[in-house]
């Protein structure tokens, strides 16, 4: 069942979203050649402790870390490790969430490690734009699949593909609430969007085919064809005046 949030509840989610964005912003600032994904995870977990919030992912279905960190052809749910050293030319997706006073904030972004290829830069930018296209559809009276239609139309226009196996979701007092929010679909289809809904919009976009597989660790999803993948996400509230991003980065940038 889809839950509609009151203004008081939305304010609590705004506060959770701001803290989540602050911690991820600080963690992203540490990304660089020679840094391990394990170091990034430890930093984020330490900041959660300092700011008095709970990491949303650690222990969720037994996930072993605070941040999902996925490199290059890893699509999502990569497990941080002190042995995974980032190198110049990599791209790395960081997916992170927190719980503050019982409410969740969830966001992700993909960033370059040092100097990256033009193809990698384009993939990240188009995926970020695709997220923004989806967010723009989060309006009272629109339909659920309008979001995915907008994402899909944008990224496929550049020859990229949309991952089907993983989708966005409602969010609030639980990390994953109804409805599921695909990053593809037919315009004008799906449930009616209403004021008070809060959705995590998170396109995962591949340079090659959309097919993915999960590695033997039971978590890390990679592209079947080995192509690069990017992932961006924001927690978004549907308000009377339009979409409100609850997880804006501290400096106000959208992604």
C-alpha atoms as a PDB file:
ATOM      1  CA  UNK A   1       0.000   0.000   0.000  1.00  0.00           C
ATOM      2  CA  UNK A   2       1.283   3.461  -0.923  1.00  0.00           C
ATOM      3  CA  UNK A   3       1.524   5.830   2.039  1.00  0.00           C
ATOM      4  CA  UNK A   4       1.071   9.585   1.666  1.00  0.00           C
ATOM      5  CA  UNK A   5       3.250  11.698   3.941  1.00  0.00           C
ATOM      6  CA  UNK A   6       1.914  14.640   5.905  1.00  0.00           C
ATOM      7  CA  UNK A   7       3.736  17.962   5.912  1.00  0.00           C
ATOM      8  CA  UNK A   8       5.160  17.132   9.346  1.00  0.00           C
ATOM      9  CA  UNK A   9       6.418  13.794   8.055  1.00  0.00           C
ATOM     10  CA  UNK A  10       7.852  15.418   4.945  1.00  0.00           C
ATOM     11  CA  UNK A  11       9.780  17.805   7.151  1.00  0.00           C
ATOM     12  CA  UNK A  12      11.327  14.853   8.993  1.00  0.00           C
ATOM     13  CA  UNK A  13      12.232  13.313   5.628  1.00  0.00           C
ATOM     14  CA  UNK A  14      13.792  16.600   4.528  1.00  0.00           C
ATOM     15  CA  UNK A  15      16.047  16.484   7.564  1.00  0.00           C
ATOM     16  CA  UNK A  16      17.004  12.851   6.878  1.00  0.00           C
ATOM     17  CA  UNK A  17      17.656  13.654   3.236  1.00  0.00           C
ATOM     18  CA  UNK A  18      19.909  16.584   4.066  1.00  0.00           C
ATOM     19  CA  UNK A  19      22.066  14.475   6.383  1.00  0.00           C
ATOM     20  CA  UNK A  20      22.305  11.654   3.829  1.00  0.00           C
ATOM     21  CA  UNK A  21      23.338  14.140   1.141  1.00  0.00           C
ATOM     22  CA  UNK A  22      25.904  15.790   3.403  1.00  0.00           C
ATOM     23  CA  UNK A  23      27.594  12.494   4.259  1.00  0.00           C
ATOM     24  CA  UNK A  24      27.654  11.271   0.661  1.00  0.00           C
ATOM     25  CA  UNK A  25      28.967  14.653  -0.494  1.00  0.00           C
ATOM     26  CA  UNK A  26      31.844  14.403   1.993  1.00  0.00           C
ATOM     27  CA  UNK A  27      32.521  10.789   1.007  1.00  0.00           C
ATOM     28  CA  UNK A  28      32.603  11.605  -2.708  1.00  0.00           C
ATOM     29  CA  UNK A  29      35.174  14.305  -1.993  1.00  0.00           C
ATOM     30  CA  UNK A  30      37.592  11.561  -0.883  1.00  0.00           C
ATOM     31  CA  UNK A  31      37.368   9.604  -4.148  1.00  0.00           C
ATOM     32  CA  UNK A  32      40.658   9.477  -6.027  1.00  0.00           C
ATOM     33  CA  UNK A  33      43.325   7.157  -7.403  1.00  0.00           C
ATOM     34  CA  UNK A  34      44.817   4.958  -4.689  1.00  0.00           C
ATOM     35  CA  UNK A  35      41.816   5.197  -2.365  1.00  0.00           C
ATOM     36  CA  UNK A  36      40.121   1.911  -1.467  1.00  0.00           C
ATOM     37  CA  UNK A  37      36.396   1.406  -1.474  1.00  0.00           C
ATOM     38  CA  UNK A  38      36.778   0.116   2.065  1.00  0.00           C
ATOM     39  CA  UNK A  39      38.194   3.486   3.158  1.00  0.00           C
ATOM     40  CA  UNK A  40      35.205   5.303   1.681  1.00  0.00           C
ATOM     41  CA  UNK A  41      32.811   3.003   3.493  1.00  0.00           C
ATOM     42  CA  UNK A  42      34.571   3.435   6.834  1.00  0.00           C
ATOM     43  CA  UNK A  43      34.499   7.214   6.464  1.00  0.00           C
ATOM     44  CA  UNK A  44      30.766   7.274   5.729  1.00  0.00           C
ATOM     45  CA  UNK A  45      30.001   5.001   8.655  1.00  0.00           C
ATOM     46  CA  UNK A  46      32.106   7.167  10.942  1.00  0.00           C
ATOM     47  CA  UNK A  47      30.217  10.272   9.862  1.00  0.00           C
ATOM     48  CA  UNK A  48      26.912   8.520  10.558  1.00  0.00           C
ATOM     49  CA  UNK A  49      28.074   7.900  14.115  1.00  0.00           C
ATOM     50  CA  UNK A  50      29.246  11.492  14.538  1.00  0.00           C
ATOM     51  CA  UNK A  51      25.961  12.914  13.259  1.00  0.00           C
ATOM     52  CA  UNK A  52      23.795  10.536  15.255  1.00  0.00           C
ATOM     53  CA  UNK A  53      22.130   8.698  12.372  1.00  0.00           C
ATOM     54  CA  UNK A  54      21.976   5.029  11.408  1.00  0.00           C
ATOM     55  CA  UNK A  55      23.362   3.656   8.115  1.00  0.00           C
ATOM     56  CA  UNK A  56      20.355   2.331   6.212  1.00  0.00           C
ATOM     57  CA  UNK A  57      22.105  -0.393   4.248  1.00  0.00           C
ATOM     58  CA  UNK A  58      24.402  -2.122   6.735  1.00  0.00           C
ATOM     59  CA  UNK A  59      22.693  -5.322   7.832  1.00  0.00           C
ATOM     60  CA  UNK A  60      19.772  -4.801   5.437  1.00  0.00           C
ATOM     61  CA  UNK A  61      19.163  -8.343   4.181  1.00  0.00           C
ATOM     62  CA  UNK A  62      22.648  -9.000   5.594  1.00  0.00           C
ATOM     63  CA  UNK A  63      24.410  -6.470   3.363  1.00  0.00           C
ATOM     64  CA  UNK A  64      27.827  -6.121   5.024  1.00  0.00           C
ATOM     65  CA  UNK A  65      28.627  -2.428   4.486  1.00  0.00           C
ATOM     66  CA  UNK A  66      27.355   1.115   4.907  1.00  0.00           C
ATOM     67  CA  UNK A  67      27.706   2.224   1.265  1.00  0.00           C
ATOM     68  CA  UNK A  68      27.122   0.263  -1.937  1.00  0.00           C
ATOM     69  CA  UNK A  69      30.179   1.069  -4.058  1.00  0.00           C
ATOM     70  CA  UNK A  70      30.171  -0.120  -7.679  1.00  0.00           C
ATOM     71  CA  UNK A  71      33.084   0.365 -10.076  1.00  0.00           C
ATOM     72  CA  UNK A  72      33.043   0.545 -13.892  1.00  0.00           C
ATOM     73  CA  UNK A  73      30.912  -2.365 -15.168  1.00  0.00           C
ATOM     74  CA  UNK A  74      29.401  -2.930 -11.725  1.00  0.00           C
ATOM     75  CA  UNK A  75      25.824  -1.683 -11.872  1.00  0.00           C
ATOM     76  CA  UNK A  76      24.766  -1.631  -8.229  1.00  0.00           C
ATOM     77  CA  UNK A  77      25.250  -3.239  -4.776  1.00  0.00           C
ATOM     78  CA  UNK A  78      29.039  -3.477  -4.966  1.00  0.00           C
ATOM     79  CA  UNK A  79      30.573  -4.472  -1.615  1.00  0.00           C
ATOM     80  CA  UNK A  80      33.351  -2.149  -0.385  1.00  0.00           C
ATOM     81  CA  UNK A  81      36.700  -3.766   0.356  1.00  0.00           C
ATOM     82  CA  UNK A  82      40.099  -2.649   1.664  1.00  0.00           C
ATOM     83  CA  UNK A  83      41.516  -4.622  -1.267  1.00  0.00           C
ATOM     84  CA  UNK A  84      39.592  -2.730  -3.960  1.00  0.00           C
ATOM     85  CA  UNK A  85      41.850   0.161  -4.941  1.00  0.00           C
ATOM     86  CA  UNK A  86      40.422   2.837  -7.212  1.00  0.00           C
ATOM     87  CA  UNK A  87      42.608   3.790 -10.144  1.00  0.00           C
ATOM     88  CA  UNK A  88      42.815   6.660 -12.566  1.00  0.00           C
ATOM     89  CA  UNK A  89      40.167   6.311 -15.278  1.00  0.00           C
ATOM     90  CA  UNK A  90      37.640   4.374 -13.177  1.00  0.00           C
ATOM     91  CA  UNK A  91      34.103   5.548 -12.583  1.00  0.00           C
ATOM     92  CA  UNK A  92      32.553   4.692  -9.234  1.00  0.00           C
ATOM     93  CA  UNK A  93      28.928   4.685  -8.145  1.00  0.00           C
ATOM     94  CA  UNK A  94      28.174   5.336  -4.476  1.00  0.00           C
ATOM     95  CA  UNK A  95      24.686   4.452  -3.226  1.00  0.00           C
ATOM     96  CA  UNK A  96      23.983   5.528   0.360  1.00  0.00           C
ATOM     97  CA  UNK A  97      21.142   5.906   2.793  1.00  0.00           C
ATOM     98  CA  UNK A  98      20.528   6.792   6.429  1.00  0.00           C
ATOM     99  CA  UNK A  99      17.799   6.578   9.056  1.00  0.00           C
ATOM    100  CA  UNK A 100      17.118   9.680  11.141  1.00  0.00           C
ATOM    101  CA  UNK A 101      14.385   9.618  13.770  1.00  0.00           C
ATOM    102  CA  UNK A 102      12.788   6.656  12.011  1.00  0.00           C
ATOM    103  CA  UNK A 103      12.777   8.200   8.513  1.00  0.00           C
ATOM    104  CA  UNK A 104      14.942   7.264   5.547  1.00  0.00           C
ATOM    105  CA  UNK A 105      16.975   9.276   3.058  1.00  0.00           C
ATOM    106  CA  UNK A 106      18.474   7.519   0.020  1.00  0.00           C
ATOM    107  CA  UNK A 107      20.615   8.795  -2.859  1.00  0.00           C
ATOM    108  CA  UNK A 108      23.370   7.797  -5.263  1.00  0.00           C
ATOM    109  CA  UNK A 109      25.778   9.334  -7.709  1.00  0.00           C
ATOM    110  CA  UNK A 110      28.523   8.134 -10.035  1.00  0.00           C
ATOM    111  CA  UNK A 111      31.786  10.066 -10.119  1.00  0.00           C
ATOM    112  CA  UNK A 112      35.084   9.936 -12.020  1.00  0.00           C
ATOM    113  CA  UNK A 113      38.329   8.735 -10.490  1.00  0.00           C
ATOM    114  CA  UNK A 114      41.023  11.075 -11.775  1.00  0.00           C
ATOM    115  CA  UNK A 115      40.934  11.562 -15.547  1.00  0.00           C
ATOM    116  CA  UNK A 116      38.309   9.436 -17.300  1.00  0.00           C
ATOM    117  CA  UNK A 117      37.450   8.732 -20.930  1.00  0.00           C
ATOM    118  CA  UNK A 118      35.048  10.895 -22.905  1.00  0.00           C
ATOM    119  CA  UNK A 119      32.718   7.899 -23.104  1.00  0.00           C
ATOM    120  CA  UNK A 120      32.630   7.631 -19.306  1.00  0.00           C
ATOM    121  CA  UNK A 121      31.996  11.375 -18.934  1.00  0.00           C
ATOM    122  CA  UNK A 122      29.140  11.218 -21.419  1.00  0.00           C
ATOM    123  CA  UNK A 123      27.558   8.189 -19.724  1.00  0.00           C
ATOM    124  CA  UNK A 124      27.599   9.888 -16.329  1.00  0.00           C
ATOM    125  CA  UNK A 125      26.174  13.134 -17.677  1.00  0.00           C
ATOM    126  CA  UNK A 126      23.406  11.443 -19.674  1.00  0.00           C
ATOM    127  CA  UNK A 127      22.453   9.286 -16.687  1.00  0.00           C
ATOM    128  CA  UNK A 128      22.324  12.363 -14.444  1.00  0.00           C
ATOM    129  CA  UNK A 129      20.154  14.096 -17.042  1.00  0.00           C
ATOM    130  CA  UNK A 130      17.931  11.007 -17.196  1.00  0.00           C
ATOM    131  CA  UNK A 131      17.407  11.222 -13.442  1.00  0.00           C
ATOM    132  CA  UNK A 132      16.386  14.863 -13.822  1.00  0.00           C
ATOM    133  CA  UNK A 133      13.950  13.930 -16.595  1.00  0.00           C
ATOM    134  CA  UNK A 134      12.352  11.369 -14.303  1.00  0.00           C
ATOM    135  CA  UNK A 135      12.178  13.792 -11.382  1.00  0.00           C
ATOM    136  CA  UNK A 136      10.412  16.362 -13.567  1.00  0.00           C
ATOM    137  CA  UNK A 137       7.535  13.884 -13.994  1.00  0.00           C
ATOM    138  CA  UNK A 138       6.961  13.574 -10.226  1.00  0.00           C
ATOM    139  CA  UNK A 139       3.867  15.753 -10.264  1.00  0.00           C
ATOM    140  CA  UNK A 140       0.362  15.406  -8.873  1.00  0.00           C
ATOM    141  CA  UNK A 141      -1.894  13.931 -11.557  1.00  0.00           C
ATOM    142  CA  UNK A 142       0.848  12.323 -13.629  1.00  0.00           C
ATOM    143  CA  UNK A 143       1.137   8.548 -13.938  1.00  0.00           C
ATOM    144  CA  UNK A 144       3.806   6.341 -12.382  1.00  0.00           C
ATOM    145  CA  UNK A 145       5.228   5.117 -15.689  1.00  0.00           C
ATOM    146  CA  UNK A 146       5.603   8.694 -16.932  1.00  0.00           C
ATOM    147  CA  UNK A 147       8.751   8.739 -14.790  1.00  0.00           C
ATOM    148  CA  UNK A 148      10.360   5.724 -16.441  1.00  0.00           C
ATOM    149  CA  UNK A 149       9.192   6.778 -19.893  1.00  0.00           C
ATOM    150  CA  UNK A 150      11.023  10.095 -19.493  1.00  0.00           C
ATOM    151  CA  UNK A 151      14.216   8.403 -18.270  1.00  0.00           C
ATOM    152  CA  UNK A 152      14.150   5.779 -21.013  1.00  0.00           C
ATOM    153  CA  UNK A 153      13.426   8.224 -23.821  1.00  0.00           C
ATOM    154  CA  UNK A 154      16.314  10.432 -22.806  1.00  0.00           C
ATOM    155  CA  UNK A 155      19.033   7.827 -22.336  1.00  0.00           C
ATOM    156  CA  UNK A 156      18.053   5.630 -25.279  1.00  0.00           C
ATOM    157  CA  UNK A 157      18.319   8.732 -27.427  1.00  0.00           C
ATOM    158  CA  UNK A 158      22.063   8.518 -26.775  1.00  0.00           C
ATOM    159  CA  UNK A 159      22.231   4.800 -27.568  1.00  0.00           C
ATOM    160  CA  UNK A 160      22.376   3.672 -23.935  1.00  0.00           C
ATOM    161  CA  UNK A 161      20.211   1.024 -22.274  1.00  0.00           C
ATOM    162  CA  UNK A 162      18.128   0.999 -19.105  1.00  0.00           C
ATOM    163  CA  UNK A 163      18.646  -1.750 -16.530  1.00  0.00           C
ATOM    164  CA  UNK A 164      15.375  -3.632 -15.967  1.00  0.00           C
ATOM    165  CA  UNK A 165      16.206  -5.860 -12.998  1.00  0.00           C
ATOM    166  CA  UNK A 166      16.571  -3.021 -10.485  1.00  0.00           C
ATOM    167  CA  UNK A 167      14.123  -0.149 -10.072  1.00  0.00           C
ATOM    168  CA  UNK A 168      13.321   2.796  -7.847  1.00  0.00           C
ATOM    169  CA  UNK A 169      10.840   2.633  -4.986  1.00  0.00           C
ATOM    170  CA  UNK A 170       8.693   4.421  -2.489  1.00  0.00           C
ATOM    171  CA  UNK A 171      10.476   5.442   0.704  1.00  0.00           C
ATOM    172  CA  UNK A 172       9.570   6.748   4.145  1.00  0.00           C
ATOM    173  CA  UNK A 173       9.588   4.795   7.396  1.00  0.00           C
ATOM    174  CA  UNK A 174      10.966   1.857   5.408  1.00  0.00           C
ATOM    175  CA  UNK A 175      13.801   1.883   2.888  1.00  0.00           C
ATOM    176  CA  UNK A 176      11.683   0.159   0.265  1.00  0.00           C
ATOM    177  CA  UNK A 177       7.983   0.990   0.188  1.00  0.00           C
ATOM    178  CA  UNK A 178       5.381   0.717  -2.542  1.00  0.00           C
ATOM    179  CA  UNK A 179       5.317   1.521  -5.375  1.00  0.00           C
ATOM    180  CA  UNK A 180       8.173   0.151  -7.416  1.00  0.00           C
ATOM    181  CA  UNK A 181       9.368   2.844  -9.836  1.00  0.00           C
ATOM    182  CA  UNK A 182      10.778   1.430 -13.103  1.00  0.00           C
ATOM    183  CA  UNK A 183      13.210   3.480 -15.179  1.00  0.00           C
ATOM    184  CA  UNK A 184      11.339   2.432 -18.320  1.00  0.00           C
ATOM    185  CA  UNK A 185       7.690   2.220 -19.312  1.00  0.00           C
ATOM    186  CA  UNK A 186       4.787   3.558 -21.321  1.00  0.00           C
ATOM    187  CA  UNK A 187       3.669   7.150 -20.933  1.00  0.00           C
ATOM    188  CA  UNK A 188       0.254   7.542 -19.305  1.00  0.00           C
ATOM    189  CA  UNK A 189       0.306   4.131 -17.626  1.00  0.00           C
ATOM    190  CA  UNK A 190       0.513   3.079 -13.995  1.00  0.00           C
ATOM    191  CA  UNK A 191      -0.984   4.467 -10.810  1.00  0.00           C
ATOM    192  CA  UNK A 192      -1.897   8.104 -10.378  1.00  0.00           C
ATOM    193  CA  UNK A 193       0.774  10.161  -8.636  1.00  0.00           C
ATOM    194  CA  UNK A 194      -0.483  12.151  -5.649  1.00  0.00           C
ATOM    195  CA  UNK A 195       0.727  14.888  -3.330  1.00  0.00           C
ATOM    196  CA  UNK A 196       2.428  13.295  -0.331  1.00  0.00           C
ATOM    197  CA  UNK A 197       4.069  10.429  -2.212  1.00  0.00           C
ATOM    198  CA  UNK A 198       7.832  10.162  -1.740  1.00  0.00           C
ATOM    199  CA  UNK A 199       9.819   8.207  -4.307  1.00  0.00           C
ATOM    200  CA  UNK A 200      13.431   7.188  -4.734  1.00  0.00           C
ATOM    201  CA  UNK A 201      14.136   7.711  -8.443  1.00  0.00           C
ATOM    202  CA  UNK A 202      17.302   5.853  -9.476  1.00  0.00           C
ATOM    203  CA  UNK A 203      18.178   5.158 -13.101  1.00  0.00           C
ATOM    204  CA  UNK A 204      20.935   2.616 -13.741  1.00  0.00           C
ATOM    205  CA  UNK A 205      22.176   3.043 -17.296  1.00  0.00           C
ATOM    206  CA  UNK A 206      24.578   0.930 -19.365  1.00  0.00           C
ATOM    207  CA  UNK A 207      26.712   1.809 -22.377  1.00  0.00           C
ATOM    208  CA  UNK A 208      25.951  -1.611 -23.838  1.00  0.00           C
ATOM    209  CA  UNK A 209      23.028  -3.980 -23.352  1.00  0.00           C
ATOM    210  CA  UNK A 210      20.646  -3.798 -20.418  1.00  0.00           C
ATOM    211  CA  UNK A 211      21.335  -7.332 -19.192  1.00  0.00           C
ATOM    212  CA  UNK A 212      22.968  -7.777 -15.782  1.00  0.00           C
ATOM    213  CA  UNK A 213      24.074 -10.688 -13.612  1.00  0.00           C
ATOM    214  CA  UNK A 214      24.849 -11.018  -9.914  1.00  0.00           C
ATOM    215  CA  UNK A 215      28.315 -12.205  -8.904  1.00  0.00           C
ATOM    216  CA  UNK A 216      29.065 -15.061  -6.526  1.00  0.00           C
ATOM    217  CA  UNK A 217      29.144 -12.677  -3.532  1.00  0.00           C
ATOM    218  CA  UNK A 218      25.358 -12.610  -3.847  1.00  0.00           C
ATOM    219  CA  UNK A 219      25.211  -8.818  -4.139  1.00  0.00           C
ATOM    220  CA  UNK A 220      27.345  -7.184  -6.830  1.00  0.00           C
ATOM    221  CA  UNK A 221      25.423  -6.797 -10.099  1.00  0.00           C
ATOM    222  CA  UNK A 222      27.515  -6.327 -13.251  1.00  0.00           C
ATOM    223  CA  UNK A 223      26.743  -5.781 -16.917  1.00  0.00           C
ATOM    224  CA  UNK A 224      26.701  -9.070 -18.821  1.00  0.00           C
ATOM    225  CA  UNK A 225      28.646  -7.569 -21.723  1.00  0.00           C
ATOM    226  CA  UNK A 226      31.233  -5.861 -19.499  1.00  0.00           C
ATOM    227  CA  UNK A 227      30.193  -2.350 -20.552  1.00  0.00           C
ATOM    228  CA  UNK A 228      30.310   0.665 -18.234  1.00  0.00           C
ATOM    229  CA  UNK A 229      27.316   1.457 -16.052  1.00  0.00           C
ATOM    230  CA  UNK A 230      26.272   4.592 -14.135  1.00  0.00           C
ATOM    231  CA  UNK A 231      23.766   5.117 -11.323  1.00  0.00           C
ATOM    232  CA  UNK A 232      22.186   8.312  -9.965  1.00  0.00           C
ATOM    233  CA  UNK A 233      19.416   8.628  -7.373  1.00  0.00           C
ATOM    234  CA  UNK A 234      17.456  11.168  -5.370  1.00  0.00           C
ATOM    235  CA  UNK A 235      14.640  10.942  -2.844  1.00  0.00           C
ATOM    236  CA  UNK A 236      11.812  13.076  -4.258  1.00  0.00           C
ATOM    237  CA  UNK A 237       8.551  14.285  -2.705  1.00  0.00           C
ATOM    238  CA  UNK A 238       5.467  15.113  -4.769  1.00  0.00           C
ATOM    239  CA  UNK A 239       4.176  18.458  -3.499  1.00  0.00           C
ATOM    240  CA  UNK A 240       1.410  20.848  -4.631  1.00  0.00           C
ATOM    241  CA  UNK A 241       4.069  22.990  -6.334  1.00  0.00           C
ATOM    242  CA  UNK A 242       5.820  20.076  -8.067  1.00  0.00           C
ATOM    243  CA  UNK A 243       8.713  17.718  -7.309  1.00  0.00           C
ATOM    244  CA  UNK A 244      10.902  18.499  -4.305  1.00  0.00           C
ATOM    245  CA  UNK A 245      14.315  16.829  -4.096  1.00  0.00           C
ATOM    246  CA  UNK A 246      14.918  15.907  -0.458  1.00  0.00           C
ATOM    247  CA  UNK A 247      18.520  14.795  -0.970  1.00  0.00           C
ATOM    248  CA  UNK A 248      20.137  17.825  -2.599  1.00  0.00           C
ATOM    249  CA  UNK A 249      23.856  18.102  -2.058  1.00  0.00           C
ATOM    250  CA  UNK A 250      24.964  20.851   0.363  1.00  0.00           C
ATOM    251  CA  UNK A 251      26.049  23.236  -2.359  1.00  0.00           C
ATOM    252  CA  UNK A 252      22.663  22.882  -4.043  1.00  0.00           C
ATOM    253  CA  UNK A 253      23.754  20.898  -7.087  1.00  0.00           C
ATOM    254  CA  UNK A 254      21.116  18.491  -8.310  1.00  0.00           C
ATOM    255  CA  UNK A 255      23.303  15.417  -8.523  1.00  0.00           C
END
